[in-house]
C-alpha atoms as a PDB file:
ATOM      1  CA  MET A   1      -0.087  -0.007  -0.076  1.00  0.00           C
ATOM      2  CA  LYS A   2       2.873   2.409   0.672  1.00  0.00           C
ATOM      3  CA  SER A   3       4.247   1.995  -2.949  1.00  0.00           C
ATOM      4  CA  PHE A   4       0.758   3.013  -4.430  1.00  0.00           C
ATOM      5  CA  SER A   5       0.410   6.376  -5.720  1.00  0.00           C
ATOM      6  CA  PHE A   6      -2.168   8.449  -7.692  1.00  0.00           C
ATOM      7  CA  GLU A   7       0.522  10.294  -9.574  1.00  0.00           C
ATOM      8  CA  GLN A   8       1.187   7.168 -11.894  1.00  0.00           C
ATOM      9  CA  ILE A   9      -2.592   6.951 -12.944  1.00  0.00           C
ATOM     10  CA  GLN A  10      -3.604   8.299 -16.214  1.00  0.00           C
ATOM     11  CA  LYS A  11      -6.641  10.628 -16.426  1.00  0.00           C
ATOM     12  CA  ALA A  12      -7.729   9.379 -19.899  1.00  0.00           C
ATOM     13  CA  GLY A  13      -9.648   6.170 -20.252  1.00  0.00           C
ATOM     14  CA  ALA A  14      -7.967   2.979 -21.290  1.00  0.00           C
ATOM     15  CA  ARG A  15      -7.970   2.453 -25.266  1.00  0.00           C
ATOM     16  CA  PHE A  16      -8.735  -0.972 -26.565  1.00  0.00           C
ATOM     17  CA  ASP A  17      -6.714  -1.808 -29.589  1.00  0.00           C
ATOM     18  CA  PRO A  18      -8.185  -4.649 -31.591  1.00  0.00           C
ATOM     19  CA  GLU A  19      -5.170  -5.088 -33.687  1.00  0.00           C
ATOM     20  CA  LYS A  20      -3.021  -5.743 -30.699  1.00  0.00           C
ATOM     21  CA  ALA A  21      -5.675  -8.128 -29.273  1.00  0.00           C
ATOM     22  CA  LEU A  22      -5.468  -9.987 -32.582  1.00  0.00           C
ATOM     23  CA  TRP A  23      -1.856 -10.275 -32.503  1.00  0.00           C
ATOM     24  CA  PHE A  24      -1.799 -11.512 -28.995  1.00  0.00           C
ATOM     25  CA  ASN A  25      -4.344 -14.225 -29.839  1.00  0.00           C
ATOM     26  CA  ALA A  26      -2.259 -15.283 -32.937  1.00  0.00           C
ATOM     27  CA  GLN A  27       0.920 -15.578 -30.507  1.00  0.00           C
ATOM     28  CA  TYR A  28      -1.155 -17.959 -28.390  1.00  0.00           C
ATOM     29  CA  VAL A  29      -2.379 -20.110 -31.167  1.00  0.00           C
ATOM     30  CA  HIS A  30       0.847 -20.231 -32.699  1.00  0.00           C
ATOM     31  CA  LYS A  31       2.255 -21.777 -29.687  1.00  0.00           C
ATOM     32  CA  LEU A  32      -0.344 -24.380 -28.955  1.00  0.00           C
ATOM     33  CA  PRO A  33       0.656 -27.978 -29.117  1.00  0.00           C
ATOM     34  CA  VAL A  34      -0.206 -29.583 -32.377  1.00  0.00           C
ATOM     35  CA  ASP A  35      -2.506 -32.062 -30.651  1.00  0.00           C
ATOM     36  CA  ILE A  36      -5.068 -29.332 -29.712  1.00  0.00           C
ATOM     37  CA  LEU A  37      -4.997 -28.100 -33.276  1.00  0.00           C
ATOM     38  CA  ARG A  38      -5.444 -31.366 -34.607  1.00  0.00           C
ATOM     39  CA  GLN A  39      -8.376 -31.952 -32.131  1.00  0.00           C
ATOM     40  CA  ARG A  40     -10.044 -28.501 -33.207  1.00  0.00           C
ATOM     41  CA  MET A  41      -9.324 -29.198 -36.744  1.00  0.00           C
ATOM     42  CA  ARG A  42     -10.953 -32.592 -36.665  1.00  0.00           C
ATOM     43  CA  GLN A  43     -14.014 -31.303 -34.927  1.00  0.00           C
ATOM     44  CA  GLN A  44     -14.313 -28.761 -37.657  1.00  0.00           C
ATOM     45  CA  LEU A  45     -14.055 -31.458 -40.288  1.00  0.00           C
ATOM     46  CA  LEU A  46     -16.718 -33.477 -38.765  1.00  0.00           C
ATOM     47  CA  GLU A  47     -18.924 -30.579 -38.796  1.00  0.00           C
ATOM     48  CA  HIS A  48     -18.384 -30.252 -42.394  1.00  0.00           C
ATOM     49  CA  GLY A  49     -19.338 -33.752 -43.129  1.00  0.00           C
ATOM     50  CA  LEU A  50     -16.054 -35.776 -43.333  1.00  0.00           C
ATOM     51  CA  GLU A  51     -16.249 -39.077 -41.971  1.00  0.00           C
ATOM     52  CA  THR A  52     -13.796 -40.488 -39.270  1.00  0.00           C
ATOM     53  CA  THR A  53     -12.689 -43.049 -41.525  1.00  0.00           C
ATOM     54  CA  ASP A  54     -11.434 -40.707 -44.311  1.00  0.00           C
ATOM     55  CA  ASN A  55      -7.852 -40.731 -44.868  1.00  0.00           C
ATOM     56  CA  ARG A  56      -7.539 -36.892 -44.292  1.00  0.00           C
ATOM     57  CA  MET A  57      -8.772 -37.572 -40.852  1.00  0.00           C
ATOM     58  CA  THR A  58      -5.550 -39.530 -39.619  1.00  0.00           C
ATOM     59  CA  ASP A  59      -3.610 -37.825 -36.847  1.00  0.00           C
ATOM     60  CA  ALA A  60      -0.623 -37.814 -39.216  1.00  0.00           C
ATOM     61  CA  TYR A  61      -2.547 -35.820 -42.081  1.00  0.00           C
ATOM     62  CA  LEU A  62      -4.214 -33.490 -39.482  1.00  0.00           C
ATOM     63  CA  ASN A  63      -0.932 -32.873 -37.640  1.00  0.00           C
ATOM     64  CA  SER A  64       0.860 -31.748 -40.943  1.00  0.00           C
ATOM     65  CA  ALA A  65      -2.308 -29.844 -42.039  1.00  0.00           C
ATOM     66  CA  SER A  66      -2.241 -27.977 -38.752  1.00  0.00           C
ATOM     67  CA  GLU A  67       1.526 -27.305 -38.829  1.00  0.00           C
ATOM     68  CA  LEU A  68       0.983 -25.763 -42.467  1.00  0.00           C
ATOM     69  CA  LEU A  69      -1.929 -23.647 -41.391  1.00  0.00           C
ATOM     70  CA  ARG A  70      -0.575 -22.693 -37.948  1.00  0.00           C
ATOM     71  CA  PRO A  71       1.380 -19.539 -38.970  1.00  0.00           C
ATOM     72  CA  ARG A  72      -1.909 -18.224 -41.109  1.00  0.00           C
ATOM     73  CA  ILE A  73      -4.566 -18.210 -38.398  1.00  0.00           C
ATOM     74  CA  HIS A  74      -5.359 -16.007 -35.394  1.00  0.00           C
ATOM     75  CA  PHE A  75      -8.107 -18.110 -33.893  1.00  0.00           C
ATOM     76  CA  CYS A  76      -8.485 -21.896 -33.824  1.00  0.00           C
ATOM     77  CA  ASN A  77     -11.863 -21.604 -35.420  1.00  0.00           C
ATOM     78  CA  GLU A  78     -10.230 -20.359 -38.658  1.00  0.00           C
ATOM     79  CA  LEU A  79      -8.203 -23.591 -39.319  1.00  0.00           C
ATOM     80  CA  LEU A  80     -10.858 -25.023 -41.923  1.00  0.00           C
ATOM     81  CA  SER A  81     -11.599 -21.737 -43.340  1.00  0.00           C
ATOM     82  CA  ALA A  82      -7.931 -20.845 -43.758  1.00  0.00           C
ATOM     83  CA  GLY A  83      -7.103 -24.294 -45.198  1.00  0.00           C
ATOM     84  CA  ALA A  84     -10.132 -25.900 -46.895  1.00  0.00           C
ATOM     85  CA  TYR A  85      -8.171 -26.663 -49.882  1.00  0.00           C
ATOM     86  CA  LEU A  86      -6.007 -29.236 -47.711  1.00  0.00           C
ATOM     87  CA  PHE A  87      -9.116 -31.382 -47.404  1.00  0.00           C
ATOM     88  CA  PHE A  88     -11.375 -30.424 -50.383  1.00  0.00           C
ATOM     89  CA  ARG A  89     -10.291 -30.109 -53.799  1.00  0.00           C
ATOM     90  CA  PRO A  90     -10.835 -26.570 -55.248  1.00  0.00           C
ATOM     91  CA  THR A  91     -13.764 -25.950 -57.364  1.00  0.00           C
ATOM     92  CA  HIS A  92     -13.112 -22.229 -57.800  1.00  0.00           C
ATOM     93  CA  PHE A  93      -9.872 -20.818 -58.929  1.00  0.00           C
ATOM     94  CA  ASP A  94      -8.056 -17.385 -58.587  1.00  0.00           C
ATOM     95  CA  THR A  95      -8.397 -16.945 -62.450  1.00  0.00           C
ATOM     96  CA  GLU A  96      -7.227 -13.352 -62.388  1.00  0.00           C
ATOM     97  CA  THR A  97      -3.774 -14.120 -61.118  1.00  0.00           C
ATOM     98  CA  LEU A  98      -3.815 -17.336 -63.187  1.00  0.00           C
ATOM     99  CA  HIS A  99      -4.255 -15.389 -66.269  1.00  0.00           C
ATOM    100  CA  LYS A 100      -1.669 -12.883 -65.401  1.00  0.00           C
ATOM    101  CA  LYS A 101       1.007 -15.418 -64.691  1.00  0.00           C
ATOM    102  CA  TRP A 102      -0.157 -18.033 -67.387  1.00  0.00           C
ATOM    103  CA  LYS A 103       2.553 -18.430 -70.224  1.00  0.00           C
ATOM    104  CA  GLU A 104       2.123 -20.243 -73.446  1.00  0.00           C
ATOM    105  CA  GLY A 105       3.140 -23.839 -73.257  1.00  0.00           C
ATOM    106  CA  MET A 106       2.233 -24.171 -69.650  1.00  0.00           C
ATOM    107  CA  SER A 107      -0.818 -26.349 -69.995  1.00  0.00           C
ATOM    108  CA  ALA A 108       1.352 -29.147 -71.559  1.00  0.00           C
ATOM    109  CA  TYR A 109       3.919 -28.450 -69.244  1.00  0.00           C
ATOM    110  CA  PHE A 110       1.652 -28.989 -66.179  1.00  0.00           C
ATOM    111  CA  ASN A 111       0.207 -32.292 -67.731  1.00  0.00           C
ATOM    112  CA  ALA A 112       3.753 -33.653 -68.193  1.00  0.00           C
ATOM    113  CA  MET A 113       4.572 -32.811 -64.476  1.00  0.00           C
ATOM    114  CA  ALA A 114       1.429 -34.340 -63.398  1.00  0.00           C
ATOM    115  CA  THR A 115       2.240 -37.496 -65.264  1.00  0.00           C
ATOM    116  CA  GLN A 116       5.853 -37.443 -63.938  1.00  0.00           C
ATOM    117  CA  ILE A 117       4.868 -36.835 -60.369  1.00  0.00           C
ATOM    118  CA  THR A 118       2.171 -39.715 -60.195  1.00  0.00           C
ATOM    119  CA  SER A 119       4.792 -42.297 -61.283  1.00  0.00           C
ATOM    120  CA  ALA A 120       7.722 -40.850 -59.472  1.00  0.00           C
ATOM    121  CA  GLU A 121       9.158 -43.109 -56.593  1.00  0.00           C
ATOM    122  CA  SER A 122      10.604 -40.306 -54.752  1.00  0.00           C
ATOM    123  CA  ASP A 123       8.341 -38.019 -52.684  1.00  0.00           C
ATOM    124  CA  ALA A 124       5.905 -35.490 -54.419  1.00  0.00           C
ATOM    125  CA  ALA A 125       7.881 -32.202 -53.403  1.00  0.00           C
ATOM    126  CA  ASP A 126      10.962 -33.571 -54.654  1.00  0.00           C
ATOM    127  CA  SER A 127       9.406 -34.629 -57.973  1.00  0.00           C
ATOM    128  CA  VAL A 128       8.021 -31.509 -58.428  1.00  0.00           C
ATOM    129  CA  LYS A 129      11.222 -29.716 -57.701  1.00  0.00           C
ATOM    130  CA  GLN A 130      12.856 -31.870 -60.238  1.00  0.00           C
ATOM    131  CA  CYS A 131      10.182 -31.080 -62.952  1.00  0.00           C
ATOM    132  CA  ILE A 132      10.692 -27.515 -62.294  1.00  0.00           C
ATOM    133  CA  ALA A 133      14.397 -27.728 -62.530  1.00  0.00           C
ATOM    134  CA  ALA A 134      14.257 -29.655 -65.717  1.00  0.00           C
ATOM    135  CA  GLY A 135      11.422 -27.621 -67.528  1.00  0.00           C
ATOM    136  CA  PRO A 136      11.449 -24.783 -69.870  1.00  0.00           C
ATOM    137  CA  PHE A 137      10.300 -22.028 -67.364  1.00  0.00           C
ATOM    138  CA  LYS A 138      11.973 -20.453 -64.554  1.00  0.00           C
ATOM    139  CA  THR A 139      11.053 -21.350 -60.882  1.00  0.00           C
ATOM    140  CA  GLY A 140       9.361 -18.065 -60.263  1.00  0.00           C
ATOM    141  CA  GLU A 141       7.098 -18.343 -63.324  1.00  0.00           C
ATOM    142  CA  VAL A 142       5.897 -21.859 -62.417  1.00  0.00           C
ATOM    143  CA  MET A 143       5.160 -21.591 -58.677  1.00  0.00           C
ATOM    144  CA  GLN A 144       2.016 -19.234 -58.486  1.00  0.00           C
ATOM    145  CA  PRO A 145       0.249 -21.112 -61.430  1.00  0.00           C
ATOM    146  CA  LEU A 146       1.238 -24.281 -59.668  1.00  0.00           C
ATOM    147  CA  ARG A 147      -0.152 -22.970 -56.319  1.00  0.00           C
ATOM    148  CA  ILE A 148      -3.391 -22.010 -58.000  1.00  0.00           C
ATOM    149  CA  LEU A 149      -3.838 -25.329 -59.752  1.00  0.00           C
ATOM    150  CA  VAL A 150      -3.418 -27.171 -56.594  1.00  0.00           C
ATOM    151  CA  SER A 151      -5.197 -25.131 -54.097  1.00  0.00           C
ATOM    152  CA  GLY A 152      -7.237 -22.826 -56.011  1.00  0.00           C
ATOM    153  CA  THR A 153      -5.910 -19.772 -54.264  1.00  0.00           C
ATOM    154  CA  SER A 154      -2.757 -17.387 -54.975  1.00  0.00           C
ATOM    155  CA  GLY A 155      -1.894 -17.658 -51.219  1.00  0.00           C
ATOM    156  CA  GLY A 156      -1.880 -19.884 -48.405  1.00  0.00           C
ATOM    157  CA  ALA A 157       0.062 -22.719 -46.802  1.00  0.00           C
ATOM    158  CA  ASP A 158       3.496 -23.521 -47.976  1.00  0.00           C
ATOM    159  CA  LEU A 159       3.218 -24.811 -51.530  1.00  0.00           C
ATOM    160  CA  MET A 160       5.766 -27.664 -51.241  1.00  0.00           C
ATOM    161  CA  GLY A 161       4.328 -28.446 -47.800  1.00  0.00           C
ATOM    162  CA  MET A 162       0.917 -28.876 -49.372  1.00  0.00           C
ATOM    163  CA  ILE A 163       2.361 -31.012 -52.326  1.00  0.00           C
ATOM    164  CA  GLN A 164       4.013 -33.442 -49.470  1.00  0.00           C
ATOM    165  CA  LEU A 165       1.008 -33.580 -47.670  1.00  0.00           C
ATOM    166  CA  PHE A 166      -1.311 -34.503 -50.603  1.00  0.00           C
ATOM    167  CA  GLY A 167       1.379 -36.911 -52.056  1.00  0.00           C
ATOM    168  CA  GLY A 168       2.062 -37.259 -55.823  1.00  0.00           C
ATOM    169  CA  LYS A 169      -1.297 -38.982 -57.004  1.00  0.00           C
ATOM    170  CA  GLU A 170      -3.617 -36.253 -55.428  1.00  0.00           C
ATOM    171  CA  THR A 171      -1.168 -33.529 -56.446  1.00  0.00           C
ATOM    172  CA  ALA A 172      -1.488 -34.907 -60.033  1.00  0.00           C
ATOM    173  CA  GLU A 173      -5.189 -35.284 -60.181  1.00  0.00           C
ATOM    174  CA  ARG A 174      -5.671 -31.610 -58.822  1.00  0.00           C
ATOM    175  CA  ILE A 175      -3.509 -30.249 -61.703  1.00  0.00           C
ATOM    176  CA  VAL A 176      -5.240 -32.449 -64.203  1.00  0.00           C
ATOM    177  CA  ALA A 177      -8.712 -31.343 -62.911  1.00  0.00           C
ATOM    178  CA  ALA A 178      -7.699 -27.750 -62.737  1.00  0.00           C
ATOM    179  CA  LEU A 179      -6.419 -27.740 -66.481  1.00  0.00           C
ATOM    180  CA  HIS A 180      -9.611 -29.269 -67.822  1.00  0.00           C
END
């Protein structure tokens, strides 16, 4: 009580800063154990109709998806909205960005990439990297269109992490479906 003084109290009322509160919550979510994120994601997926027997509901898949989405969310209830493309194939694509980045010959290039990564024995991300390195386009020219073909969006989780999560077959099927 002796150390208390009214001189240190400000007369103005406290100000609430929503941006700072959002940042604090994001820091909290980023430090949550993956088990908690996995449980929250599983619950959201069950609410959206995925069955518990679906291979996308395994602990390993959900852990990887949670890690990919962790840096992009502020609240746990954003897991599915931020990363629905990790569980459901895209039906809408960022066509505006795709048209800006698309170059002649990319359709054939991505079809060939899909064929190669389906039959590759190494992991999907390595196969994609090999295709890009051997292809006629620069890495920077390929990444954005590839991201849109695989996820439907021009932003989001790490592209190679997504491809690794999906595996070669799913990635190839997404590419082919997006091209047709």
